[in-house]
Every structure is written in C-alpha cells, then in structure tokens.
Amino acid sequence: MTDILWSHGLLQNEPDDFLYIRLSARALSCVQAFQAQDISDFLWSHAILGKALAPVLAARLLAHIRVQDFGPQELSETVWSIAILYRTSPVDDRIEARKIDVEQQQPQNRVLLSNQTLGDEERLDQSKHNNQTISNANNVRSILHDTCQQICQAAFSKIDEFSVTSISNLLWGMTSLSETLPHGQLEMFLRKAEGIDINRQDAVLLLWSAAILQPRISHDRLANITRNLQSSLKERGCENKSRSYNMWKRGGMTSMTCWSIAVLRIEDVELIESVMREIKLLINEFQEMDLSLLHIFFLSCSLDPKLKRVIEHNPDMHVVRSELQERAKNSFLKVNLRPSKLRKQIAETFSRTGIPCIEGRVDVESGYRLDVLLLQGSQPGDQYVVEVHDRNCFLADRKTLKAAMLLRWRHLAALGYHLIGIPYWEWESILSKREYLLSKLASCGSAEYVKLD
C-alpha cells in the first residue's frame, strides 16, 4: 500500500479519488503494522502529492512512530515531509487541503479539509462546519509539531550515521517548523557538511537553514558553511539528483537561494551572476511563494549596500526586474499577511493614549505592511513604526527572531523609519501599558533582542 503511494509521489502522478480514499481507509485500519520505512514513505508521498492528512489518520499514524526504530534517512525524510504537511494543513491565513476519507466502510462519511482558500474577512463569516475544519486542522498541526520535536531529539543520538542529504532534509524541515537545536548540536550537524561534495538541492536547503538559524550559529561556523555552500552552488548550477527535488521545481530552488543570499548578505559576484541567469531562464516557472521570496531579494539588492555594490553592474538585473518586479511585489503583498491580536491591542492603546496611529498600512516602496505607523513623531517628517513581535515572530525557543523578521527590520530601517520593537513577553508582563508605550517611544525602541549583523 505504501509502495503504491510512494510510486505515485515519485512520478508526481496523483491517484484518482477512489483509489486514494481506499488507500487512506486501509492505512487507518492497519496503521499498527507500519514499519519505520512505511511511515516515512507514507508521509513523503502525502507531502509530494500535496495531500493533507485527515486528523484521525494523522493521530493514529504519528502515534505509532517509534523514533528508536528510525534510521537517519527515515528520520530526516519524515521531518522534511512533516514540514510540507504542516504547510498544507490550514494555517492562520488560508486553508489549502484536500478532502480525505477516513472511514473504512462508509466513503460517504468523510472528515473534510476544505480545499478553498479563505481570506481574513471570509473566514469570519464561515459556518460551524468550517470552524470545525479549522479546529481539526490545528489538531493535525499540533500532532505534526510534537512528532517533529521527538524526531529532532532522536536524530542527534545518530548524528554519526547522517549523510549530507539527511542533514539538509532534517535541518530544512526543522527550520520550516521554526524548531531549533541546542547550539552545540546544531553546529555538529553543520560541521559534517563542511569540506565535502554537496549536490544542488542539499546546498540550497543547507543555505536556507543557515540563513534562518544564523543568530544561533557562531560567526566562524557560519562563514565556513556559507563559503562551502557558495562553492557547491556555483559548481552545480541547476542539477538535481534528489527524489524530493520535484517538490521544489527549479523556480523554488532558485528563489530559496535568492532569499538566503539576501538574509546572509552574500557578496559573491559569480554566484549572483549565476542566479540571475537562472532567473532569466525560469521567468515563467515561478509560483506565488517563489515570487514573494524574489521580491525580498530585489528589495535587498536596492537597500543593502553590500548587495547593491555587487549587483549594480550586473546586466541581467535590469531585464529580470522589468519582467518580474511587479509580479513579485504583488505576490508578496498577498502572502505577507500577519493577523495579530497583540498588534491590534497595541494600536488601540496608542490611540487611547492620544497618539494617532494606523495599523497595517502598506509601505509603497517595499510592500511591507507596517504593524503600527505612528502619526506623531518628535520631529516633523519623522516616521515612527512599531514592530510588534508576537510568538509567531520567533523560533521555537521564543527568544530568537526569525530571519524574515530581522530582514524586515533591516529593510524598514534602510527606508528611513524609526523603529520601535515591542516583544510579546514585555507587553504581557507590564501592567501600565500606557506608560510602557510612552517610554518605548521616548527611547525610540532600543531592542536588544533584535540582533542584526
């Protein structure tokens, strides 16, 4: 059964609904017989095919994971698949999932995950059925998240058996779930990837992981791994050899590379020239999320002095921007939604304090939605922006800001905004909110937790 799904995944050939329903029902009835390889292949197939796991099936399947039975490949591919499935399950801003039958004998009785994409306003008007759908999906995400934590802990005990491909899949899956490893463990995994031959996909996934985890990596280790990956990417170009490569397509690999270059501020003329040539070749292959990442790259090339120097004489940049910049910005605006109760509370408190503000205004140049734009500055023409950092802005340690948040801070500062950082733990612990906000405004947001290079 798992071999059938695995084959469909390898061929990128989605099984028809009837076959998939029968396979899902069969899996539910015999999940106790699954071995480590069966579980890994089953999850991988769902990830590749874009199939969401029904809550009952997810709970039963993942409850039978015995991490001690998993080898490095099963551990890493399971984490990789969980990260994809975590994205496929409904998230705060949208619901993107397939209908899955979890009843063995009654195909008409289904636990449904809507495949409809919902915006903020639409979601408020949904029926109880959709509220239950979201609840079910959140249960799936919670199960996936907990399982990933167990696997990451087990992986370190088998670190000597990990190949570079297993390491890249594990770290990419971890970082996509905002998980972290202790400093020592993380650097041991990265050290194994230094000084050896690395294929294209592994290099991209490791570079992406290094970009996300950079605040938790020592400067020397980060410099070493970045140099090694730069070399591999320049030598390998667009090649691919991994069975999971099709998940990304060429556009996805290129956009992830561009985003990582922006975060790590990689001043490598040869690498950037290679990437620009790829973008020209793939102009019609980029999906919405890819374009969103490219927008960040274009923005960094305009605002970051290091990248600006490297890119200013590149003949391909003008062509690429004329073709993609508007599309990329529009895609970024669509996906760059961060609904936040904390942000709303802070905006309302500023208003009650007598300081006029606007929540969620879009900065025209960058496309960023400003959390709270204050309409009253200490000097005429000054623009003060409050960056509200709730729990979702941090990695799982709840202390390390995500790379996207650091990059956002860097970009907004370069655009001339005076930034005031408010982390969730300060807001929650302060009783006098009004005095707290006034003191933040007076100090113009010295935020020690925002660690920029």
Protein backbone atom coordinates (compact mmCIF):
# COMPACT_ATOMS: atom_id res chain seq x y z
CA MET A 1 0.00 0.00 0.00
CA THR A 2 2.72 2.48 0.93
CA ASP A 3 4.68 1.44 -2.15
CA ILE A 4 1.70 2.37 -4.34
CA LEU A 5 1.51 5.86 -2.85
CA TRP A 6 5.30 6.21 -2.92
CA SER A 7 5.30 5.37 -6.64
CA HIS A 8 2.61 7.94 -7.34
CA GLY A 9 4.66 10.52 -5.44
CA LEU A 10 7.84 9.68 -7.31
CA LEU A 11 6.03 10.08 -10.64
CA GLN A 12 4.17 13.20 -9.48
CA ASN A 13 1.01 11.34 -10.54
CA GLU A 14 -1.87 11.99 -8.17
CA PRO A 15 -4.05 8.87 -7.68
CA ASP A 16 -7.74 9.21 -8.51
CA ASP A 17 -10.10 9.98 -5.64
CA PHE A 18 -11.50 6.47 -5.37
CA LEU A 19 -8.05 4.86 -5.11
CA TYR A 20 -6.85 7.46 -2.65
CA ILE A 21 -9.93 7.04 -0.47
CA ARG A 22 -9.44 3.27 -0.35
CA LEU A 23 -5.73 3.60 0.43
CA SER A 24 -6.39 6.11 3.23
CA ALA A 25 -9.08 3.88 4.73
CA ARG A 26 -6.77 0.88 4.51
CA ALA A 27 -3.96 2.81 6.18
CA LEU A 28 -6.28 3.75 9.03
CA SER A 29 -7.20 0.12 9.64
CA CYS A 30 -3.67 -1.32 9.63
CA VAL A 31 -1.54 1.52 10.94
CA GLN A 32 -0.20 -0.67 13.76
CA ALA A 33 1.56 -2.83 11.19
CA PHE A 34 3.52 0.10 9.72
CA GLN A 35 7.30 -0.14 9.98
CA ALA A 36 9.62 2.89 10.07
CA GLN A 37 10.13 2.86 6.29
CA ASP A 38 6.36 2.55 5.72
CA ILE A 39 5.63 5.61 7.84
CA SER A 40 8.40 7.62 6.20
CA ASP A 41 7.24 6.72 2.67
CA PHE A 42 3.58 7.32 3.52
CA LEU A 43 4.25 10.82 4.85
CA TRP A 44 6.64 11.61 2.00
CA SER A 45 4.03 10.60 -0.58
CA HIS A 46 1.41 12.86 1.00
CA ALA A 47 3.88 15.75 1.06
CA ILE A 48 4.92 15.33 -2.58
CA LEU A 49 1.32 14.99 -3.79
CA GLY A 50 0.06 17.92 -1.72
CA LYS A 51 -2.34 15.71 0.22
CA ALA A 52 -3.32 16.82 3.69
CA LEU A 53 -3.59 14.23 6.44
CA ALA A 54 -7.04 13.81 7.97
CA PRO A 55 -6.93 14.37 11.76
CA VAL A 56 -7.84 10.78 12.72
CA LEU A 57 -5.30 9.31 10.32
CA ALA A 58 -2.60 11.74 11.42
CA ALA A 59 -3.19 10.99 15.08
CA ARG A 60 -3.11 7.21 14.65
CA LEU A 61 -0.18 7.17 12.26
CA LEU A 62 2.10 9.51 14.17
CA ALA A 63 1.21 7.89 17.49
CA HIS A 64 2.90 4.73 16.21
CA ILE A 65 6.20 6.41 15.35
CA ARG A 66 8.92 4.77 17.42
CA VAL A 67 11.88 7.02 16.80
CA GLN A 68 14.33 4.41 18.08
CA ASP A 69 13.43 2.26 15.05
CA PHE A 70 14.14 5.04 12.54
CA GLY A 71 17.44 5.32 10.71
CA PRO A 72 18.90 8.68 9.59
CA GLN A 73 17.12 8.62 6.22
CA GLU A 74 13.73 7.82 7.75
CA LEU A 75 14.22 10.46 10.45
CA SER A 76 15.24 13.20 8.04
CA GLU A 77 12.65 12.44 5.36
CA THR A 78 9.92 12.24 7.98
CA VAL A 79 10.82 15.69 9.33
CA TRP A 80 11.02 17.02 5.75
CA SER A 81 7.57 15.58 4.99
CA ILE A 82 6.09 16.85 8.25
CA ALA A 83 7.25 20.37 7.36
CA ILE A 84 5.48 20.16 3.99
CA LEU A 85 2.33 18.69 5.57
CA TYR A 86 2.40 21.39 8.23
CA ARG A 87 2.19 23.95 5.44
CA THR A 88 -0.53 22.00 3.63
CA SER A 89 -2.76 21.91 6.70
CA PRO A 90 -4.88 25.05 7.25
CA VAL A 91 -2.88 27.91 8.73
CA ASP A 92 -3.93 31.24 10.19
CA ASP A 93 -4.39 32.96 6.84
CA ARG A 94 -5.63 30.26 4.47
CA ILE A 95 -6.98 26.76 4.16
CA GLU A 96 -5.38 24.68 1.45
CA ALA A 97 -6.04 20.99 1.76
CA ARG A 98 -7.71 18.06 0.06
CA LYS A 99 -10.77 16.02 1.02
CA ILE A 100 -9.73 12.83 2.70
CA ASP A 101 -11.88 9.88 3.64
CA VAL A 102 -11.03 8.34 6.98
CA GLU A 103 -13.96 5.92 7.21
CA GLN A 104 -13.11 2.41 6.15
CA GLN A 105 -16.61 1.13 5.28
CA GLN A 106 -18.55 4.35 4.68
CA PRO A 107 -16.94 6.50 1.97
CA GLN A 108 -19.79 8.97 2.19
CA ASN A 109 -18.89 9.87 5.80
CA ARG A 110 -15.77 11.95 5.43
CA VAL A 111 -13.68 14.13 7.64
CA LEU A 112 -13.20 17.03 5.27
CA LEU A 113 -10.44 19.55 4.95
CA SER A 114 -11.65 22.31 2.64
CA ASN A 115 -9.59 22.98 -0.48
CA GLN A 116 -10.92 26.50 -0.62
CA THR A 117 -8.54 29.41 0.03
CA LEU A 118 -10.03 31.77 2.58
CA GLY A 119 -9.11 35.37 3.33
CA ASP A 120 -9.47 37.12 6.69
CA GLU A 121 -12.92 38.63 6.08
CA GLU A 122 -14.35 35.47 4.52
CA ARG A 123 -13.13 33.36 7.41
CA LEU A 124 -15.09 35.46 9.89
CA ASP A 125 -18.32 34.56 8.10
CA GLN A 126 -17.79 30.81 7.87
CA SER A 127 -20.22 28.29 9.26
CA LYS A 128 -19.71 25.97 12.23
CA HIS A 129 -18.62 23.32 9.76
CA ASN A 130 -15.63 25.39 8.69
CA ASN A 131 -14.83 26.28 12.29
CA GLN A 132 -14.64 22.55 13.00
CA THR A 133 -12.46 22.15 9.91
CA ILE A 134 -10.01 24.69 11.26
CA SER A 135 -10.06 23.01 14.67
CA ASN A 136 -9.32 19.65 13.08
CA ALA A 137 -6.51 21.12 11.04
CA ASN A 138 -4.96 22.79 14.08
CA ASN A 139 -5.01 19.39 15.79
CA VAL A 140 -3.09 17.95 12.83
CA ARG A 141 -0.54 20.74 13.03
CA SER A 142 -0.11 20.20 16.75
CA ILE A 143 0.45 16.48 16.23
CA LEU A 144 2.94 17.10 13.43
CA HIS A 145 4.79 19.65 15.52
CA ASP A 146 5.10 17.39 18.57
CA THR A 147 6.29 14.48 16.42
CA CYS A 148 8.94 16.64 14.81
CA GLN A 149 10.31 17.60 18.22
CA GLN A 150 10.68 13.94 19.19
CA ILE A 151 12.43 13.11 15.92
CA CYS A 152 14.86 16.02 16.20
CA GLN A 153 15.86 14.87 19.67
CA ALA A 154 16.38 11.31 18.43
CA ALA A 155 18.41 12.45 15.42
CA PHE A 156 21.28 13.77 17.48
CA SER A 157 21.95 10.35 19.01
CA LYS A 158 22.57 9.03 15.47
CA ILE A 159 24.48 12.01 14.10
CA ASP A 160 27.49 9.91 13.02
CA GLU A 161 25.25 7.95 10.63
CA PHE A 162 23.81 11.01 8.87
CA SER A 163 24.71 11.78 5.27
CA VAL A 164 24.74 15.37 3.98
CA THR A 165 21.38 14.77 2.27
CA SER A 166 19.86 13.53 5.53
CA ILE A 167 21.27 16.56 7.36
CA SER A 168 19.92 19.01 4.77
CA ASN A 169 16.44 17.46 4.85
CA LEU A 170 16.41 17.39 8.66
CA LEU A 171 17.56 20.99 9.07
CA TRP A 172 15.22 22.31 6.38
CA GLY A 173 12.27 20.54 7.97
CA MET A 174 13.26 21.82 11.40
CA THR A 175 13.66 25.42 10.32
CA SER A 176 10.40 25.35 8.36
CA LEU A 177 8.66 24.37 11.59
CA SER A 178 10.57 27.09 13.49
CA GLU A 179 12.29 24.39 15.55
CA THR A 180 15.79 24.82 16.91
CA LEU A 181 18.57 22.60 18.20
CA PRO A 182 20.93 23.49 21.05
CA HIS A 183 23.95 25.44 19.79
CA GLY A 184 26.37 22.52 20.16
CA GLN A 185 24.13 20.03 18.37
CA LEU A 186 23.33 22.43 15.54
CA GLU A 187 26.99 23.15 14.86
CA MET A 188 27.86 19.46 14.92
CA PHE A 189 25.33 18.84 12.14
CA LEU A 190 26.66 21.77 10.11
CA ARG A 191 30.27 20.71 10.63
CA LYS A 192 29.53 17.40 8.91
CA ALA A 193 28.63 19.31 5.74
CA GLU A 194 31.92 21.22 5.54
CA GLY A 195 34.59 20.43 3.00
CA ILE A 196 32.71 17.71 1.12
CA ASP A 197 30.98 17.41 -2.23
CA ILE A 198 27.35 18.58 -1.98
CA ASN A 199 24.64 18.37 -4.64
CA ARG A 200 22.45 21.31 -5.64
CA GLN A 201 19.39 20.59 -3.53
CA ASP A 202 21.38 19.80 -0.39
CA ALA A 203 23.35 23.03 -0.81
CA VAL A 204 20.19 25.12 -1.20
CA LEU A 205 18.44 23.54 1.79
CA LEU A 206 21.53 23.93 3.98
CA LEU A 207 21.99 27.56 2.91
CA TRP A 208 18.31 28.23 3.69
CA SER A 209 18.66 26.58 7.11
CA ALA A 210 21.84 28.53 7.86
CA ALA A 211 20.06 31.77 6.94
CA ILE A 212 17.15 31.05 9.28
CA LEU A 213 19.34 29.84 12.15
CA GLN A 214 22.12 32.41 11.73
CA PRO A 215 21.59 34.07 15.15
CA ARG A 216 22.24 30.66 16.74
CA ILE A 217 25.38 29.83 14.74
CA SER A 218 28.85 31.10 15.65
CA HIS A 219 30.34 33.63 13.23
CA ASP A 220 33.21 31.33 12.22
CA ARG A 221 30.95 28.32 11.65
CA LEU A 222 28.50 30.39 9.62
CA ALA A 223 31.33 31.81 7.50
CA ASN A 224 32.77 28.33 6.84
CA ILE A 225 29.48 26.69 5.88
CA THR A 226 28.47 29.65 3.71
CA ARG A 227 31.76 29.57 1.79
CA ASN A 228 31.42 25.84 1.22
CA LEU A 229 27.83 26.13 0.02
CA GLN A 230 28.62 29.07 -2.26
CA SER A 231 31.27 26.95 -3.95
CA SER A 232 28.90 24.00 -4.36
CA LEU A 233 26.13 26.16 -5.81
CA LYS A 234 28.45 27.73 -8.37
CA GLU A 235 29.81 24.35 -9.44
CA ARG A 236 26.49 22.51 -9.55
CA GLY A 237 24.25 25.07 -11.23
CA CYS A 238 20.73 23.69 -11.85
CA GLU A 239 21.49 19.99 -11.47
CA ASN A 240 19.34 17.82 -9.23
CA LYS A 241 19.62 14.25 -8.07
CA SER A 242 17.27 14.00 -5.12
CA ARG A 243 13.95 12.21 -5.30
CA SER A 244 12.30 15.08 -3.42
CA TYR A 245 13.57 17.69 -5.87
CA ASN A 246 10.23 17.79 -7.71
CA MET A 247 8.64 19.26 -4.61
CA TRP A 248 10.54 22.47 -5.26
CA LYS A 249 10.71 22.72 -9.04
CA ARG A 250 13.56 24.80 -10.41
CA GLY A 251 11.88 28.09 -9.56
CA GLY A 252 11.55 27.12 -5.91
CA MET A 253 15.22 26.21 -5.59
CA THR A 254 16.29 29.47 -7.22
CA SER A 255 14.00 31.65 -5.10
CA MET A 256 15.20 29.98 -1.88
CA THR A 257 18.79 30.65 -2.93
CA CYS A 258 17.99 34.31 -3.60
CA TRP A 259 16.28 34.75 -0.24
CA SER A 260 19.23 33.13 1.56
CA ILE A 261 21.66 35.45 -0.25
CA ALA A 262 19.59 38.41 0.97
CA VAL A 263 19.50 37.22 4.59
CA LEU A 264 23.18 36.27 4.77
CA ARG A 265 24.28 39.26 2.64
CA ILE A 266 26.48 37.09 0.46
CA GLU A 267 28.80 39.27 -1.63
CA ASP A 268 29.70 36.72 -4.29
CA VAL A 269 29.64 38.21 -7.78
CA GLU A 270 29.96 34.86 -9.53
CA LEU A 271 27.16 33.24 -7.51
CA ILE A 272 24.79 36.17 -8.00
CA GLU A 273 25.52 36.26 -11.73
CA SER A 274 24.70 32.56 -11.90
CA VAL A 275 21.45 33.11 -10.01
CA MET A 276 20.45 36.00 -12.26
CA ARG A 277 20.96 33.84 -15.35
CA GLU A 278 18.75 31.17 -13.77
CA ILE A 279 16.00 33.69 -13.03
CA LYS A 280 16.02 34.82 -16.68
CA LEU A 281 15.63 31.23 -17.83
CA LEU A 282 12.85 30.49 -15.34
CA ILE A 283 10.79 33.68 -15.58
CA ASN A 284 7.58 31.81 -16.36
CA GLU A 285 8.12 29.00 -13.82
CA PHE A 286 7.93 30.92 -10.56
CA GLN A 287 4.93 30.29 -8.32
CA GLU A 288 3.44 32.82 -5.92
CA MET A 289 5.61 31.90 -2.93
CA ASP A 290 8.71 31.89 -5.14
CA LEU A 291 7.89 35.37 -6.39
CA SER A 292 7.40 36.55 -2.81
CA LEU A 293 10.94 35.41 -1.95
CA LEU A 294 12.31 37.06 -5.10
CA HIS A 295 10.69 40.33 -4.03
CA ILE A 296 12.74 40.24 -0.83
CA PHE A 297 15.88 39.59 -2.89
CA PHE A 298 15.16 42.53 -5.21
CA LEU A 299 14.47 44.73 -2.19
CA SER A 300 17.76 43.76 -0.55
CA CYS A 301 19.63 44.49 -3.77
CA SER A 302 18.18 48.02 -3.64
CA LEU A 303 18.55 48.72 0.09
CA ASP A 304 21.55 46.70 1.30
CA PRO A 305 24.83 48.49 0.47
CA LYS A 306 26.74 45.20 0.28
CA LEU A 307 24.42 43.59 -2.26
CA LYS A 308 23.89 46.86 -4.11
CA ARG A 309 27.61 47.05 -4.87
CA VAL A 310 27.63 43.50 -6.22
CA ILE A 311 24.52 43.85 -8.35
CA GLU A 312 24.86 47.37 -9.76
CA HIS A 313 26.92 46.29 -12.79
CA ASN A 314 25.02 43.07 -13.46
CA PRO A 315 23.46 43.36 -16.95
CA ASP A 316 20.75 40.79 -16.20
CA MET A 317 19.27 42.62 -13.20
CA HIS A 318 17.51 45.28 -15.28
CA VAL A 319 15.95 42.64 -17.54
CA VAL A 320 14.85 40.47 -14.63
CA ARG A 321 13.37 43.37 -12.69
CA SER A 322 11.43 44.69 -15.67
CA GLU A 323 9.90 41.23 -16.14
CA LEU A 324 9.32 40.17 -12.55
CA GLN A 325 9.42 43.05 -10.08
CA GLU A 326 5.74 44.00 -10.27
CA ARG A 327 4.59 40.36 -10.19
CA ALA A 328 6.92 39.62 -7.29
CA LYS A 329 5.68 42.59 -5.28
CA ASN A 330 2.03 41.68 -5.85
CA SER A 331 2.71 38.11 -4.72
CA PHE A 332 4.50 39.41 -1.63
CA LEU A 333 1.50 41.58 -0.76
CA LYS A 334 -0.77 38.53 -0.97
CA VAL A 335 1.28 36.28 1.29
CA ASN A 336 2.64 38.93 3.65
CA LEU A 337 -0.35 38.88 5.99
CA ARG A 338 0.28 38.67 9.73
CA PRO A 339 -3.02 38.86 11.63
CA SER A 340 -2.15 39.69 15.21
CA LYS A 341 -4.32 40.29 18.26
CA LEU A 342 -1.30 41.76 20.03
CA ARG A 343 -0.78 44.33 17.27
CA LYS A 344 -4.42 45.38 17.50
CA GLN A 345 -4.17 45.78 21.28
CA ILE A 346 -1.08 47.96 20.95
CA ALA A 347 -2.62 50.15 18.24
CA GLU A 348 -5.75 50.66 20.36
CA THR A 349 -3.62 51.56 23.40
CA PHE A 350 -1.68 54.17 21.41
CA SER A 351 -4.99 55.69 20.27
CA ARG A 352 -6.32 55.83 23.84
CA THR A 353 -3.05 57.45 24.90
CA GLY A 354 -3.71 60.27 22.44
CA ILE A 355 -1.15 59.24 19.85
CA PRO A 356 -2.85 58.77 16.46
CA CYS A 357 -1.75 55.72 14.52
CA ILE A 358 -2.62 53.49 11.59
CA GLU A 359 -2.50 49.71 11.78
CA GLY A 360 -1.37 47.67 8.77
CA ARG A 361 -0.64 50.44 6.26
CA VAL A 362 1.34 49.20 3.26
CA ASP A 363 4.68 50.88 2.58
CA VAL A 364 4.51 51.58 -1.15
CA GLU A 365 8.22 51.14 -1.85
CA SER A 366 8.82 47.88 0.00
CA GLY A 367 5.38 46.25 0.08
CA TYR A 368 5.68 45.66 3.83
CA ARG A 369 2.53 46.08 5.90
CA LEU A 370 3.63 48.33 8.75
CA ASP A 371 2.45 46.94 12.07
CA VAL A 372 1.62 50.30 13.67
CA LEU A 373 2.54 53.57 11.96
CA LEU A 374 2.52 56.47 14.42
CA LEU A 375 1.23 59.74 13.01
CA GLN A 376 3.03 61.84 15.60
CA GLY A 377 6.84 62.00 15.71
CA SER A 378 9.28 64.05 17.74
CA GLN A 379 10.42 65.88 14.60
CA PRO A 380 8.42 66.99 11.53
CA GLY A 381 8.67 64.39 8.80
CA ASP A 382 9.86 61.64 11.13
CA GLN A 383 8.11 58.33 10.66
CA TYR A 384 7.87 56.02 13.65
CA VAL A 385 6.85 52.42 13.15
CA VAL A 386 6.10 49.99 15.96
CA GLU A 387 7.21 46.46 15.13
CA VAL A 388 5.01 44.09 17.13
CA HIS A 389 6.72 40.77 17.72
CA ASP A 390 4.30 38.12 18.95
CA ARG A 391 5.18 34.46 19.48
CA ASN A 392 4.91 33.67 15.78
CA CYS A 393 7.80 36.04 15.05
CA PHE A 394 10.26 33.85 16.97
CA LEU A 395 11.77 30.42 16.59
CA ALA A 396 10.63 27.70 18.96
CA ASP A 397 12.99 28.94 21.69
CA ARG A 398 10.74 32.06 21.85
CA LYS A 399 13.85 34.27 22.03
CA THR A 400 15.39 34.19 18.56
CA LEU A 401 13.66 36.37 15.98
CA LYS A 402 13.01 34.63 12.69
CA ALA A 403 15.26 35.63 9.81
CA ALA A 404 12.34 37.18 7.92
CA MET A 405 11.68 39.50 10.89
CA LEU A 406 15.34 40.54 11.08
CA LEU A 407 15.43 41.20 7.35
CA ARG A 408 12.22 43.21 7.61
CA TRP A 409 13.73 45.33 10.41
CA ARG A 410 16.86 45.92 8.33
CA HIS A 411 14.83 46.96 5.28
CA LEU A 412 12.48 49.30 7.15
CA ALA A 413 15.43 50.98 8.87
CA ALA A 414 17.09 51.46 5.48
CA LEU A 415 13.88 53.12 4.23
CA GLY A 416 14.23 55.73 6.97
CA TYR A 417 11.70 54.56 9.52
CA HIS A 418 12.42 54.96 13.23
CA LEU A 419 11.66 51.51 14.59
CA ILE A 420 10.24 50.63 17.99
CA GLY A 421 10.34 46.95 18.88
CA ILE A 422 7.75 45.50 21.25
CA PRO A 423 8.17 41.79 22.07
CA TYR A 424 5.22 39.85 23.40
CA TRP A 425 6.85 39.00 26.76
CA GLU A 426 7.34 42.66 27.69
CA TRP A 427 3.78 43.59 26.75
CA GLU A 428 2.31 40.68 28.69
CA SER A 429 4.31 41.42 31.85
CA ILE A 430 3.64 45.18 32.01
CA LEU A 431 0.59 46.37 33.92
CA SER A 432 0.73 50.03 32.93
CA LYS A 433 0.54 49.73 29.14
CA ARG A 434 0.27 53.48 28.55
CA GLU A 435 3.47 54.36 30.43
CA TYR A 436 5.24 51.45 28.76
CA LEU A 437 4.39 52.71 25.26
CA LEU A 438 5.42 56.27 26.11
CA SER A 439 8.77 55.05 27.43
CA LYS A 440 9.27 52.98 24.28
CA LEU A 441 8.54 56.00 22.12
CA ALA A 442 10.94 58.15 24.14
CA SER A 443 13.79 55.65 23.77
CA CYS A 444 12.88 55.00 20.12
CA GLY A 445 12.80 51.30 20.58
CA SER A 446 16.22 50.16 21.65
CA ALA A 447 15.50 46.46 21.18
CA GLU A 448 18.27 44.22 22.47
CA TYR A 449 16.55 41.09 21.19
CA VAL A 450 16.80 42.34 17.58
CA LYS A 451 20.30 41.10 16.76
CA LEU A 452 21.46 42.37 13.38
CA ASP A 453 24.89 41.62 11.94
